[in-house]
């Protein structure tokens, strides 16, 4: 969140949940 406020690009791998607490889709 802090880095976004400073204009950073934030790429995040998003096709597999590692926590078992992800969002069901």
PDBML (XML) file of the C-alpha atoms, coordinates in Angstrom:
<?xml version="1.0" encoding="UTF-8" ?>
<PDBx:datablock datablockName="MODEL"
   xmlns:PDBx="http://pdbml.pdb.org/schema/pdbx-v50.xsd"
   xmlns:xsi="http://www.w3.org/2001/XMLSchema-instance"
   xsi:schemaLocation="http://pdbml.pdb.org/schema/pdbx-v50.xsd pdbx-v50.xsd">
   <PDBx:atom_siteCategory>
      <PDBx:atom_site id="1">
         <PDBx:B_iso_or_equiv>0.00</PDBx:B_iso_or_equiv>
         <PDBx:Cartn_x>0.000</PDBx:Cartn_x>
         <PDBx:Cartn_y>0.000</PDBx:Cartn_y>
         <PDBx:Cartn_z>0.000</PDBx:Cartn_z>
         <PDBx:auth_asym_id>A</PDBx:auth_asym_id>
         <PDBx:auth_atom_id>CA</PDBx:auth_atom_id>
         <PDBx:auth_comp_id>UNK</PDBx:auth_comp_id>
         <PDBx:auth_seq_id>1</PDBx:auth_seq_id>
         <PDBx:group_PDB>ATOM</PDBx:group_PDB>
         <PDBx:label_alt_id xsi:nil="true" />
         <PDBx:label_asym_id>A</PDBx:label_asym_id>
         <PDBx:label_atom_id>CA</PDBx:label_atom_id>
         <PDBx:label_comp_id>UNK</PDBx:label_comp_id>
         <PDBx:label_entity_id>1</PDBx:label_entity_id>
         <PDBx:label_seq_id>1</PDBx:label_seq_id>
         <PDBx:occupancy>1.00</PDBx:occupancy>
         <PDBx:pdbx_PDB_model_num>1</PDBx:pdbx_PDB_model_num>
         <PDBx:type_symbol>C</PDBx:type_symbol>
      </PDBx:atom_site>
      <PDBx:atom_site id="2">
         <PDBx:B_iso_or_equiv>0.00</PDBx:B_iso_or_equiv>
         <PDBx:Cartn_x>2.812</PDBx:Cartn_x>
         <PDBx:Cartn_y>2.377</PDBx:Cartn_y>
         <PDBx:Cartn_z>0.876</PDBx:Cartn_z>
         <PDBx:auth_asym_id>A</PDBx:auth_asym_id>
         <PDBx:auth_atom_id>CA</PDBx:auth_atom_id>
         <PDBx:auth_comp_id>UNK</PDBx:auth_comp_id>
         <PDBx:auth_seq_id>2</PDBx:auth_seq_id>
         <PDBx:group_PDB>ATOM</PDBx:group_PDB>
         <PDBx:label_alt_id xsi:nil="true" />
         <PDBx:label_asym_id>A</PDBx:label_asym_id>
         <PDBx:label_atom_id>CA</PDBx:label_atom_id>
         <PDBx:label_comp_id>UNK</PDBx:label_comp_id>
         <PDBx:label_entity_id>1</PDBx:label_entity_id>
         <PDBx:label_seq_id>2</PDBx:label_seq_id>
         <PDBx:occupancy>1.00</PDBx:occupancy>
         <PDBx:pdbx_PDB_model_num>1</PDBx:pdbx_PDB_model_num>
         <PDBx:type_symbol>C</PDBx:type_symbol>
      </PDBx:atom_site>
      <PDBx:atom_site id="3">
         <PDBx:B_iso_or_equiv>0.00</PDBx:B_iso_or_equiv>
         <PDBx:Cartn_x>4.690</PDBx:Cartn_x>
         <PDBx:Cartn_y>1.661</PDBx:Cartn_y>
         <PDBx:Cartn_z>-2.349</PDBx:Cartn_z>
         <PDBx:auth_asym_id>A</PDBx:auth_asym_id>
         <PDBx:auth_atom_id>CA</PDBx:auth_atom_id>
         <PDBx:auth_comp_id>UNK</PDBx:auth_comp_id>
         <PDBx:auth_seq_id>3</PDBx:auth_seq_id>
         <PDBx:group_PDB>ATOM</PDBx:group_PDB>
         <PDBx:label_alt_id xsi:nil="true" />
         <PDBx:label_asym_id>A</PDBx:label_asym_id>
         <PDBx:label_atom_id>CA</PDBx:label_atom_id>
         <PDBx:label_comp_id>UNK</PDBx:label_comp_id>
         <PDBx:label_entity_id>1</PDBx:label_entity_id>
         <PDBx:label_seq_id>3</PDBx:label_seq_id>
         <PDBx:occupancy>1.00</PDBx:occupancy>
         <PDBx:pdbx_PDB_model_num>1</PDBx:pdbx_PDB_model_num>
         <PDBx:type_symbol>C</PDBx:type_symbol>
      </PDBx:atom_site>
      <PDBx:atom_site id="4">
         <PDBx:B_iso_or_equiv>0.00</PDBx:B_iso_or_equiv>
         <PDBx:Cartn_x>1.551</PDBx:Cartn_x>
         <PDBx:Cartn_y>2.143</PDBx:Cartn_y>
         <PDBx:Cartn_z>-4.451</PDBx:Cartn_z>
         <PDBx:auth_asym_id>A</PDBx:auth_asym_id>
         <PDBx:auth_atom_id>CA</PDBx:auth_atom_id>
         <PDBx:auth_comp_id>UNK</PDBx:auth_comp_id>
         <PDBx:auth_seq_id>4</PDBx:auth_seq_id>
         <PDBx:group_PDB>ATOM</PDBx:group_PDB>
         <PDBx:label_alt_id xsi:nil="true" />
         <PDBx:label_asym_id>A</PDBx:label_asym_id>
         <PDBx:label_atom_id>CA</PDBx:label_atom_id>
         <PDBx:label_comp_id>UNK</PDBx:label_comp_id>
         <PDBx:label_entity_id>1</PDBx:label_entity_id>
         <PDBx:label_seq_id>4</PDBx:label_seq_id>
         <PDBx:occupancy>1.00</PDBx:occupancy>
         <PDBx:pdbx_PDB_model_num>1</PDBx:pdbx_PDB_model_num>
         <PDBx:type_symbol>C</PDBx:type_symbol>
      </PDBx:atom_site>
      <PDBx:atom_site id="5">
         <PDBx:B_iso_or_equiv>0.00</PDBx:B_iso_or_equiv>
         <PDBx:Cartn_x>1.290</PDBx:Cartn_x>
         <PDBx:Cartn_y>5.602</PDBx:Cartn_y>
         <PDBx:Cartn_z>-2.925</PDBx:Cartn_z>
         <PDBx:auth_asym_id>A</PDBx:auth_asym_id>
         <PDBx:auth_atom_id>CA</PDBx:auth_atom_id>
         <PDBx:auth_comp_id>UNK</PDBx:auth_comp_id>
         <PDBx:auth_seq_id>5</PDBx:auth_seq_id>
         <PDBx:group_PDB>ATOM</PDBx:group_PDB>
         <PDBx:label_alt_id xsi:nil="true" />
         <PDBx:label_asym_id>A</PDBx:label_asym_id>
         <PDBx:label_atom_id>CA</PDBx:label_atom_id>
         <PDBx:label_comp_id>UNK</PDBx:label_comp_id>
         <PDBx:label_entity_id>1</PDBx:label_entity_id>
         <PDBx:label_seq_id>5</PDBx:label_seq_id>
         <PDBx:occupancy>1.00</PDBx:occupancy>
         <PDBx:pdbx_PDB_model_num>1</PDBx:pdbx_PDB_model_num>
         <PDBx:type_symbol>C</PDBx:type_symbol>
      </PDBx:atom_site>
      <PDBx:atom_site id="6">
         <PDBx:B_iso_or_equiv>0.00</PDBx:B_iso_or_equiv>
         <PDBx:Cartn_x>4.778</PDBx:Cartn_x>
         <PDBx:Cartn_y>6.290</PDBx:Cartn_y>
         <PDBx:Cartn_z>-4.255</PDBx:Cartn_z>
         <PDBx:auth_asym_id>A</PDBx:auth_asym_id>
         <PDBx:auth_atom_id>CA</PDBx:auth_atom_id>
         <PDBx:auth_comp_id>UNK</PDBx:auth_comp_id>
         <PDBx:auth_seq_id>6</PDBx:auth_seq_id>
         <PDBx:group_PDB>ATOM</PDBx:group_PDB>
         <PDBx:label_alt_id xsi:nil="true" />
         <PDBx:label_asym_id>A</PDBx:label_asym_id>
         <PDBx:label_atom_id>CA</PDBx:label_atom_id>
         <PDBx:label_comp_id>UNK</PDBx:label_comp_id>
         <PDBx:label_entity_id>1</PDBx:label_entity_id>
         <PDBx:label_seq_id>6</PDBx:label_seq_id>
         <PDBx:occupancy>1.00</PDBx:occupancy>
         <PDBx:pdbx_PDB_model_num>1</PDBx:pdbx_PDB_model_num>
         <PDBx:type_symbol>C</PDBx:type_symbol>
      </PDBx:atom_site>
      <PDBx:atom_site id="7">
         <PDBx:B_iso_or_equiv>0.00</PDBx:B_iso_or_equiv>
         <PDBx:Cartn_x>3.909</PDBx:Cartn_x>
         <PDBx:Cartn_y>5.212</PDBx:Cartn_y>
         <PDBx:Cartn_z>-7.799</PDBx:Cartn_z>
         <PDBx:auth_asym_id>A</PDBx:auth_asym_id>
         <PDBx:auth_atom_id>CA</PDBx:auth_atom_id>
         <PDBx:auth_comp_id>UNK</PDBx:auth_comp_id>
         <PDBx:auth_seq_id>7</PDBx:auth_seq_id>
         <PDBx:group_PDB>ATOM</PDBx:group_PDB>
         <PDBx:label_alt_id xsi:nil="true" />
         <PDBx:label_asym_id>A</PDBx:label_asym_id>
         <PDBx:label_atom_id>CA</PDBx:label_atom_id>
         <PDBx:label_comp_id>UNK</PDBx:label_comp_id>
         <PDBx:label_entity_id>1</PDBx:label_entity_id>
         <PDBx:label_seq_id>7</PDBx:label_seq_id>
         <PDBx:occupancy>1.00</PDBx:occupancy>
         <PDBx:pdbx_PDB_model_num>1</PDBx:pdbx_PDB_model_num>
         <PDBx:type_symbol>C</PDBx:type_symbol>
      </PDBx:atom_site>
      <PDBx:atom_site id="8">
         <PDBx:B_iso_or_equiv>0.00</PDBx:B_iso_or_equiv>
         <PDBx:Cartn_x>5.274</PDBx:Cartn_x>
         <PDBx:Cartn_y>1.674</PDBx:Cartn_y>
         <PDBx:Cartn_z>-7.848</PDBx:Cartn_z>
         <PDBx:auth_asym_id>A</PDBx:auth_asym_id>
         <PDBx:auth_atom_id>CA</PDBx:auth_atom_id>
         <PDBx:auth_comp_id>UNK</PDBx:auth_comp_id>
         <PDBx:auth_seq_id>8</PDBx:auth_seq_id>
         <PDBx:group_PDB>ATOM</PDBx:group_PDB>
         <PDBx:label_alt_id xsi:nil="true" />
         <PDBx:label_asym_id>A</PDBx:label_asym_id>
         <PDBx:label_atom_id>CA</PDBx:label_atom_id>
         <PDBx:label_comp_id>UNK</PDBx:label_comp_id>
         <PDBx:label_entity_id>1</PDBx:label_entity_id>
         <PDBx:label_seq_id>8</PDBx:label_seq_id>
         <PDBx:occupancy>1.00</PDBx:occupancy>
         <PDBx:pdbx_PDB_model_num>1</PDBx:pdbx_PDB_model_num>
         <PDBx:type_symbol>C</PDBx:type_symbol>
      </PDBx:atom_site>
      <PDBx:atom_site id="9">
         <PDBx:B_iso_or_equiv>0.00</PDBx:B_iso_or_equiv>
         <PDBx:Cartn_x>4.237</PDBx:Cartn_x>
         <PDBx:Cartn_y>-1.089</PDBx:Cartn_y>
         <PDBx:Cartn_z>-10.248</PDBx:Cartn_z>
         <PDBx:auth_asym_id>A</PDBx:auth_asym_id>
         <PDBx:auth_atom_id>CA</PDBx:auth_atom_id>
         <PDBx:auth_comp_id>UNK</PDBx:auth_comp_id>
         <PDBx:auth_seq_id>9</PDBx:auth_seq_id>
         <PDBx:group_PDB>ATOM</PDBx:group_PDB>
         <PDBx:label_alt_id xsi:nil="true" />
         <PDBx:label_asym_id>A</PDBx:label_asym_id>
         <PDBx:label_atom_id>CA</PDBx:label_atom_id>
         <PDBx:label_comp_id>UNK</PDBx:label_comp_id>
         <PDBx:label_entity_id>1</PDBx:label_entity_id>
         <PDBx:label_seq_id>9</PDBx:label_seq_id>
         <PDBx:occupancy>1.00</PDBx:occupancy>
         <PDBx:pdbx_PDB_model_num>1</PDBx:pdbx_PDB_model_num>
         <PDBx:type_symbol>C</PDBx:type_symbol>
      </PDBx:atom_site>
      <PDBx:atom_site id="10">
         <PDBx:B_iso_or_equiv>0.00</PDBx:B_iso_or_equiv>
         <PDBx:Cartn_x>3.038</PDBx:Cartn_x>
         <PDBx:Cartn_y>-4.081</PDBx:Cartn_y>
         <PDBx:Cartn_z>-8.190</PDBx:Cartn_z>
         <PDBx:auth_asym_id>A</PDBx:auth_asym_id>
         <PDBx:auth_atom_id>CA</PDBx:auth_atom_id>
         <PDBx:auth_comp_id>UNK</PDBx:auth_comp_id>
         <PDBx:auth_seq_id>10</PDBx:auth_seq_id>
         <PDBx:group_PDB>ATOM</PDBx:group_PDB>
         <PDBx:label_alt_id xsi:nil="true" />
         <PDBx:label_asym_id>A</PDBx:label_asym_id>
         <PDBx:label_atom_id>CA</PDBx:label_atom_id>
         <PDBx:label_comp_id>UNK</PDBx:label_comp_id>
         <PDBx:label_entity_id>1</PDBx:label_entity_id>
         <PDBx:label_seq_id>10</PDBx:label_seq_id>
         <PDBx:occupancy>1.00</PDBx:occupancy>
         <PDBx:pdbx_PDB_model_num>1</PDBx:pdbx_PDB_model_num>
         <PDBx:type_symbol>C</PDBx:type_symbol>
      </PDBx:atom_site>
      <PDBx:atom_site id="11">
         <PDBx:B_iso_or_equiv>0.00</PDBx:B_iso_or_equiv>
         <PDBx:Cartn_x>2.858</PDBx:Cartn_x>
         <PDBx:Cartn_y>-7.364</PDBx:Cartn_y>
         <PDBx:Cartn_z>-10.144</PDBx:Cartn_z>
         <PDBx:auth_asym_id>A</PDBx:auth_asym_id>
         <PDBx:auth_atom_id>CA</PDBx:auth_atom_id>
         <PDBx:auth_comp_id>UNK</PDBx:auth_comp_id>
         <PDBx:auth_seq_id>11</PDBx:auth_seq_id>
         <PDBx:group_PDB>ATOM</PDBx:group_PDB>
         <PDBx:label_alt_id xsi:nil="true" />
         <PDBx:label_asym_id>A</PDBx:label_asym_id>
         <PDBx:label_atom_id>CA</PDBx:label_atom_id>
         <PDBx:label_comp_id>UNK</PDBx:label_comp_id>
         <PDBx:label_entity_id>1</PDBx:label_entity_id>
         <PDBx:label_seq_id>11</PDBx:label_seq_id>
         <PDBx:occupancy>1.00</PDBx:occupancy>
         <PDBx:pdbx_PDB_model_num>1</PDBx:pdbx_PDB_model_num>
         <PDBx:type_symbol>C</PDBx:type_symbol>
      </PDBx:atom_site>
      <PDBx:atom_site id="12">
         <PDBx:B_iso_or_equiv>0.00</PDBx:B_iso_or_equiv>
         <PDBx:Cartn_x>1.299</PDBx:Cartn_x>
         <PDBx:Cartn_y>-10.218</PDBx:Cartn_y>
         <PDBx:Cartn_z>-8.177</PDBx:Cartn_z>
         <PDBx:auth_asym_id>A</PDBx:auth_asym_id>
         <PDBx:auth_atom_id>CA</PDBx:auth_atom_id>
         <PDBx:auth_comp_id>UNK</PDBx:auth_comp_id>
         <PDBx:auth_seq_id>12</PDBx:auth_seq_id>
         <PDBx:group_PDB>ATOM</PDBx:group_PDB>
         <PDBx:label_alt_id xsi:nil="true" />
         <PDBx:label_asym_id>A</PDBx:label_asym_id>
         <PDBx:label_atom_id>CA</PDBx:label_atom_id>
         <PDBx:label_comp_id>UNK</PDBx:label_comp_id>
         <PDBx:label_entity_id>1</PDBx:label_entity_id>
         <PDBx:label_seq_id>12</PDBx:label_seq_id>
         <PDBx:occupancy>1.00</PDBx:occupancy>
         <PDBx:pdbx_PDB_model_num>1</PDBx:pdbx_PDB_model_num>
         <PDBx:type_symbol>C</PDBx:type_symbol>
      </PDBx:atom_site>
      <PDBx:atom_site id="13">
         <PDBx:B_iso_or_equiv>0.00</PDBx:B_iso_or_equiv>
         <PDBx:Cartn_x>0.905</PDBx:Cartn_x>
         <PDBx:Cartn_y>-13.846</PDBx:Cartn_y>
         <PDBx:Cartn_z>-9.208</PDBx:Cartn_z>
         <PDBx:auth_asym_id>A</PDBx:auth_asym_id>
         <PDBx:auth_atom_id>CA</PDBx:auth_atom_id>
         <PDBx:auth_comp_id>UNK</PDBx:auth_comp_id>
         <PDBx:auth_seq_id>13</PDBx:auth_seq_id>
         <PDBx:group_PDB>ATOM</PDBx:group_PDB>
         <PDBx:label_alt_id xsi:nil="true" />
         <PDBx:label_asym_id>A</PDBx:label_asym_id>
         <PDBx:label_atom_id>CA</PDBx:label_atom_id>
         <PDBx:label_comp_id>UNK</PDBx:label_comp_id>
         <PDBx:label_entity_id>1</PDBx:label_entity_id>
         <PDBx:label_seq_id>13</PDBx:label_seq_id>
         <PDBx:occupancy>1.00</PDBx:occupancy>
         <PDBx:pdbx_PDB_model_num>1</PDBx:pdbx_PDB_model_num>
         <PDBx:type_symbol>C</PDBx:type_symbol>
      </PDBx:atom_site>
      <PDBx:atom_site id="14">
         <PDBx:B_iso_or_equiv>0.00</PDBx:B_iso_or_equiv>
         <PDBx:Cartn_x>-2.823</PDBx:Cartn_x>
         <PDBx:Cartn_y>-14.361</PDBx:Cartn_y>
         <PDBx:Cartn_z>-8.957</PDBx:Cartn_z>
         <PDBx:auth_asym_id>A</PDBx:auth_asym_id>
         <PDBx:auth_atom_id>CA</PDBx:auth_atom_id>
         <PDBx:auth_comp_id>UNK</PDBx:auth_comp_id>
         <PDBx:auth_seq_id>14</PDBx:auth_seq_id>
         <PDBx:group_PDB>ATOM</PDBx:group_PDB>
         <PDBx:label_alt_id xsi:nil="true" />
         <PDBx:label_asym_id>A</PDBx:label_asym_id>
         <PDBx:label_atom_id>CA</PDBx:label_atom_id>
         <PDBx:label_comp_id>UNK</PDBx:label_comp_id>
         <PDBx:label_entity_id>1</PDBx:label_entity_id>
         <PDBx:label_seq_id>14</PDBx:label_seq_id>
         <PDBx:occupancy>1.00</PDBx:occupancy>
         <PDBx:pdbx_PDB_model_num>1</PDBx:pdbx_PDB_model_num>
         <PDBx:type_symbol>C</PDBx:type_symbol>
      </PDBx:atom_site>
      <PDBx:atom_site id="15">
         <PDBx:B_iso_or_equiv>0.00</PDBx:B_iso_or_equiv>
         <PDBx:Cartn_x>-3.899</PDBx:Cartn_x>
         <PDBx:Cartn_y>-17.727</PDBx:Cartn_y>
         <PDBx:Cartn_z>-10.384</PDBx:Cartn_z>
         <PDBx:auth_asym_id>A</PDBx:auth_asym_id>
         <PDBx:auth_atom_id>CA</PDBx:auth_atom_id>
         <PDBx:auth_comp_id>UNK</PDBx:auth_comp_id>
         <PDBx:auth_seq_id>15</PDBx:auth_seq_id>
         <PDBx:group_PDB>ATOM</PDBx:group_PDB>
         <PDBx:label_alt_id xsi:nil="true" />
         <PDBx:label_asym_id>A</PDBx:label_asym_id>
         <PDBx:label_atom_id>CA</PDBx:label_atom_id>
         <PDBx:label_comp_id>UNK</PDBx:label_comp_id>
         <PDBx:label_entity_id>1</PDBx:label_entity_id>
         <PDBx:label_seq_id>15</PDBx:label_seq_id>
         <PDBx:occupancy>1.00</PDBx:occupancy>
         <PDBx:pdbx_PDB_model_num>1</PDBx:pdbx_PDB_model_num>
         <PDBx:type_symbol>C</PDBx:type_symbol>
      </PDBx:atom_site>
      <PDBx:atom_site id="16">
         <PDBx:B_iso_or_equiv>0.00</PDBx:B_iso_or_equiv>
         <PDBx:Cartn_x>-3.201</PDBx:Cartn_x>
         <PDBx:Cartn_y>-19.921</PDBx:Cartn_y>
         <PDBx:Cartn_z>-7.354</PDBx:Cartn_z>
         <PDBx:auth_asym_id>A</PDBx:auth_asym_id>
         <PDBx:auth_atom_id>CA</PDBx:auth_atom_id>
         <PDBx:auth_comp_id>UNK</PDBx:auth_comp_id>
         <PDBx:auth_seq_id>16</PDBx:auth_seq_id>
         <PDBx:group_PDB>ATOM</PDBx:group_PDB>
         <PDBx:label_alt_id xsi:nil="true" />
         <PDBx:label_asym_id>A</PDBx:label_asym_id>
         <PDBx:label_atom_id>CA</PDBx:label_atom_id>
         <PDBx:label_comp_id>UNK</PDBx:label_comp_id>
         <PDBx:label_entity_id>1</PDBx:label_entity_id>
         <PDBx:label_seq_id>16</PDBx:label_seq_id>
         <PDBx:occupancy>1.00</PDBx:occupancy>
         <PDBx:pdbx_PDB_model_num>1</PDBx:pdbx_PDB_model_num>
         <PDBx:type_symbol>C</PDBx:type_symbol>
      </PDBx:atom_site>
      <PDBx:atom_site id="17">
         <PDBx:B_iso_or_equiv>0.00</PDBx:B_iso_or_equiv>
         <PDBx:Cartn_x>-3.891</PDBx:Cartn_x>
         <PDBx:Cartn_y>-19.332</PDBx:Cartn_y>
         <PDBx:Cartn_z>-3.682</PDBx:Cartn_z>
         <PDBx:auth_asym_id>A</PDBx:auth_asym_id>
         <PDBx:auth_atom_id>CA</PDBx:auth_atom_id>
         <PDBx:auth_comp_id>UNK</PDBx:auth_comp_id>
         <PDBx:auth_seq_id>17</PDBx:auth_seq_id>
         <PDBx:group_PDB>ATOM</PDBx:group_PDB>
         <PDBx:label_alt_id xsi:nil="true" />
         <PDBx:label_asym_id>A</PDBx:label_asym_id>
         <PDBx:label_atom_id>CA</PDBx:label_atom_id>
         <PDBx:label_comp_id>UNK</PDBx:label_comp_id>
         <PDBx:label_entity_id>1</PDBx:label_entity_id>
         <PDBx:label_seq_id>17</PDBx:label_seq_id>
         <PDBx:occupancy>1.00</PDBx:occupancy>
         <PDBx:pdbx_PDB_model_num>1</PDBx:pdbx_PDB_model_num>
         <PDBx:type_symbol>C</PDBx:type_symbol>
      </PDBx:atom_site>
      <PDBx:atom_site id="18">
         <PDBx:B_iso_or_equiv>0.00</PDBx:B_iso_or_equiv>
         <PDBx:Cartn_x>-1.114</PDBx:Cartn_x>
         <PDBx:Cartn_y>-20.366</PDBx:Cartn_y>
         <PDBx:Cartn_z>-1.309</PDBx:Cartn_z>
         <PDBx:auth_asym_id>A</PDBx:auth_asym_id>
         <PDBx:auth_atom_id>CA</PDBx:auth_atom_id>
         <PDBx:auth_comp_id>UNK</PDBx:auth_comp_id>
         <PDBx:auth_seq_id>18</PDBx:auth_seq_id>
         <PDBx:group_PDB>ATOM</PDBx:group_PDB>
         <PDBx:label_alt_id xsi:nil="true" />
         <PDBx:label_asym_id>A</PDBx:label_asym_id>
         <PDBx:label_atom_id>CA</PDBx:label_atom_id>
         <PDBx:label_comp_id>UNK</PDBx:label_comp_id>
         <PDBx:label_entity_id>1</PDBx:label_entity_id>
         <PDBx:label_seq_id>18</PDBx:label_seq_id>
         <PDBx:occupancy>1.00</PDBx:occupancy>
         <PDBx:pdbx_PDB_model_num>1</PDBx:pdbx_PDB_model_num>
         <PDBx:type_symbol>C</PDBx:type_symbol>
      </PDBx:atom_site>
      <PDBx:atom_site id="19">
         <PDBx:B_iso_or_equiv>0.00</PDBx:B_iso_or_equiv>
         <PDBx:Cartn_x>-2.931</PDBx:Cartn_x>
         <PDBx:Cartn_y>-19.678</PDBx:Cartn_y>
         <PDBx:Cartn_z>1.943</PDBx:Cartn_z>
         <PDBx:auth_asym_id>A</PDBx:auth_asym_id>
         <PDBx:auth_atom_id>CA</PDBx:auth_atom_id>
         <PDBx:auth_comp_id>UNK</PDBx:auth_comp_id>
         <PDBx:auth_seq_id>19</PDBx:auth_seq_id>
         <PDBx:group_PDB>ATOM</PDBx:group_PDB>
         <PDBx:label_alt_id xsi:nil="true" />
         <PDBx:label_asym_id>A</PDBx:label_asym_id>
         <PDBx:label_atom_id>CA</PDBx:label_atom_id>
         <PDBx:label_comp_id>UNK</PDBx:label_comp_id>
         <PDBx:label_entity_id>1</PDBx:label_entity_id>
         <PDBx:label_seq_id>19</PDBx:label_seq_id>
         <PDBx:occupancy>1.00</PDBx:occupancy>
         <PDBx:pdbx_PDB_model_num>1</PDBx:pdbx_PDB_model_num>
         <PDBx:type_symbol>C</PDBx:type_symbol>
      </PDBx:atom_site>
      <PDBx:atom_site id="20">
         <PDBx:B_iso_or_equiv>0.00</PDBx:B_iso_or_equiv>
         <PDBx:Cartn_x>-6.067</PDBx:Cartn_x>
         <PDBx:Cartn_y>-21.871</PDBx:Cartn_y>
         <PDBx:Cartn_z>1.682</PDBx:Cartn_z>
         <PDBx:auth_asym_id>A</PDBx:auth_asym_id>
         <PDBx:auth_atom_id>CA</PDBx:auth_atom_id>
         <PDBx:auth_comp_id>UNK</PDBx:auth_comp_id>
         <PDBx:auth_seq_id>20</PDBx:auth_seq_id>
         <PDBx:group_PDB>ATOM</PDBx:group_PDB>
         <PDBx:label_alt_id xsi:nil="true" />
         <PDBx:label_asym_id>A</PDBx:label_asym_id>
         <PDBx:label_atom_id>CA</PDBx:label_atom_id>
         <PDBx:label_comp_id>UNK</PDBx:label_comp_id>
         <PDBx:label_entity_id>1</PDBx:label_entity_id>
         <PDBx:label_seq_id>20</PDBx:label_seq_id>
         <PDBx:occupancy>1.00</PDBx:occupancy>
         <PDBx:pdbx_PDB_model_num>1</PDBx:pdbx_PDB_model_num>
         <PDBx:type_symbol>C</PDBx:type_symbol>
      </PDBx:atom_site>
      <PDBx:atom_site id="21">
         <PDBx:B_iso_or_equiv>0.00</PDBx:B_iso_or_equiv>
         <PDBx:Cartn_x>-7.928</PDBx:Cartn_x>
         <PDBx:Cartn_y>-18.707</PDBx:Cartn_y>
         <PDBx:Cartn_z>2.681</PDBx:Cartn_z>
         <PDBx:auth_asym_id>A</PDBx:auth_asym_id>
         <PDBx:auth_atom_id>CA</PDBx:auth_atom_id>
         <PDBx:auth_comp_id>UNK</PDBx:auth_comp_id>
         <PDBx:auth_seq_id>21</PDBx:auth_seq_id>
         <PDBx:group_PDB>ATOM</PDBx:group_PDB>
         <PDBx:label_alt_id xsi:nil="true" />
         <PDBx:label_asym_id>A</PDBx:label_asym_id>
         <PDBx:label_atom_id>CA</PDBx:label_atom_id>
         <PDBx:label_comp_id>UNK</PDBx:label_comp_id>
         <PDBx:label_entity_id>1</PDBx:label_entity_id>
         <PDBx:label_seq_id>21</PDBx:label_seq_id>
         <PDBx:occupancy>1.00</PDBx:occupancy>
         <PDBx:pdbx_PDB_model_num>1</PDBx:pdbx_PDB_model_num>
         <PDBx:type_symbol>C</PDBx:type_symbol>
      </PDBx:atom_site>
      <PDBx:atom_site id="22">
         <PDBx:B_iso_or_equiv>0.00</PDBx:B_iso_or_equiv>
         <PDBx:Cartn_x>-8.391</PDBx:Cartn_x>
         <PDBx:Cartn_y>-17.344</PDBx:Cartn_y>
         <PDBx:Cartn_z>-0.816</PDBx:Cartn_z>
         <PDBx:auth_asym_id>A</PDBx:auth_asym_id>
         <PDBx:auth_atom_id>CA</PDBx:auth_atom_id>
         <PDBx:auth_comp_id>UNK</PDBx:auth_comp_id>
         <PDBx:auth_seq_id>22</PDBx:auth_seq_id>
         <PDBx:group_PDB>ATOM</PDBx:group_PDB>
         <PDBx:label_alt_id xsi:nil="true" />
         <PDBx:label_asym_id>A</PDBx:label_asym_id>
         <PDBx:label_atom_id>CA</PDBx:label_atom_id>
         <PDBx:label_comp_id>UNK</PDBx:label_comp_id>
         <PDBx:label_entity_id>1</PDBx:label_entity_id>
         <PDBx:label_seq_id>22</PDBx:label_seq_id>
         <PDBx:occupancy>1.00</PDBx:occupancy>
         <PDBx:pdbx_PDB_model_num>1</PDBx:pdbx_PDB_model_num>
         <PDBx:type_symbol>C</PDBx:type_symbol>
      </PDBx:atom_site>
      <PDBx:atom_site id="23">
         <PDBx:B_iso_or_equiv>0.00</PDBx:B_iso_or_equiv>
         <PDBx:Cartn_x>-11.475</PDBx:Cartn_x>
         <PDBx:Cartn_y>-16.171</PDBx:Cartn_y>
         <PDBx:Cartn_z>-2.634</PDBx:Cartn_z>
         <PDBx:auth_asym_id>A</PDBx:auth_asym_id>
         <PDBx:auth_atom_id>CA</PDBx:auth_atom_id>
         <PDBx:auth_comp_id>UNK</PDBx:auth_comp_id>
         <PDBx:auth_seq_id>23</PDBx:auth_seq_id>
         <PDBx:group_PDB>ATOM</PDBx:group_PDB>
         <PDBx:label_alt_id xsi:nil="true" />
         <PDBx:label_asym_id>A</PDBx:label_asym_id>
         <PDBx:label_atom_id>CA</PDBx:label_atom_id>
         <PDBx:label_comp_id>UNK</PDBx:label_comp_id>
         <PDBx:label_entity_id>1</PDBx:label_entity_id>
         <PDBx:label_seq_id>23</PDBx:label_seq_id>
         <PDBx:occupancy>1.00</PDBx:occupancy>
         <PDBx:pdbx_PDB_model_num>1</PDBx:pdbx_PDB_model_num>
         <PDBx:type_symbol>C</PDBx:type_symbol>
      </PDBx:atom_site>
      <PDBx:atom_site id="24">
         <PDBx:B_iso_or_equiv>0.00</PDBx:B_iso_or_equiv>
         <PDBx:Cartn_x>-13.537</PDBx:Cartn_x>
         <PDBx:Cartn_y>-18.902</PDBx:Cartn_y>
         <PDBx:Cartn_z>-4.283</PDBx:Cartn_z>
         <PDBx:auth_asym_id>A</PDBx:auth_asym_id>
         <PDBx:auth_atom_id>CA</PDBx:auth_atom_id>
         <PDBx:auth_comp_id>UNK</PDBx:auth_comp_id>
         <PDBx:auth_seq_id>24</PDBx:auth_seq_id>
         <PDBx:group_PDB>ATOM</PDBx:group_PDB>
         <PDBx:label_alt_id xsi:nil="true" />
         <PDBx:label_asym_id>A</PDBx:label_asym_id>
         <PDBx:label_atom_id>CA</PDBx:label_atom_id>
         <PDBx:label_comp_id>UNK</PDBx:label_comp_id>
         <PDBx:label_entity_id>1</PDBx:label_entity_id>
         <PDBx:label_seq_id>24</PDBx:label_seq_id>
         <PDBx:occupancy>1.00</PDBx:occupancy>
         <PDBx:pdbx_PDB_model_num>1</PDBx:pdbx_PDB_model_num>
         <PDBx:type_symbol>C</PDBx:type_symbol>
      </PDBx:atom_site>
      <PDBx:atom_site id="25">
         <PDBx:B_iso_or_equiv>0.00</PDBx:B_iso_or_equiv>
         <PDBx:Cartn_x>-14.044</PDBx:Cartn_x>
         <PDBx:Cartn_y>-18.238</PDBx:Cartn_y>
         <PDBx:Cartn_z>-7.992</PDBx:Cartn_z>
         <PDBx:auth_asym_id>A</PDBx:auth_asym_id>
         <PDBx:auth_atom_id>CA</PDBx:auth_atom_id>
         <PDBx:auth_comp_id>UNK</PDBx:auth_comp_id>
         <PDBx:auth_seq_id>25</PDBx:auth_seq_id>
         <PDBx:group_PDB>ATOM</PDBx:group_PDB>
         <PDBx:label_alt_id xsi:nil="true" />
         <PDBx:label_asym_id>A</PDBx:label_asym_id>
         <PDBx:label_atom_id>CA</PDBx:label_atom_id>
         <PDBx:label_comp_id>UNK</PDBx:label_comp_id>
         <PDBx:label_entity_id>1</PDBx:label_entity_id>
         <PDBx:label_seq_id>25</PDBx:label_seq_id>
         <PDBx:occupancy>1.00</PDBx:occupancy>
         <PDBx:pdbx_PDB_model_num>1</PDBx:pdbx_PDB_model_num>
         <PDBx:type_symbol>C</PDBx:type_symbol>
      </PDBx:atom_site>
   </PDBx:atom_siteCategory>
</PDBx:datablock>
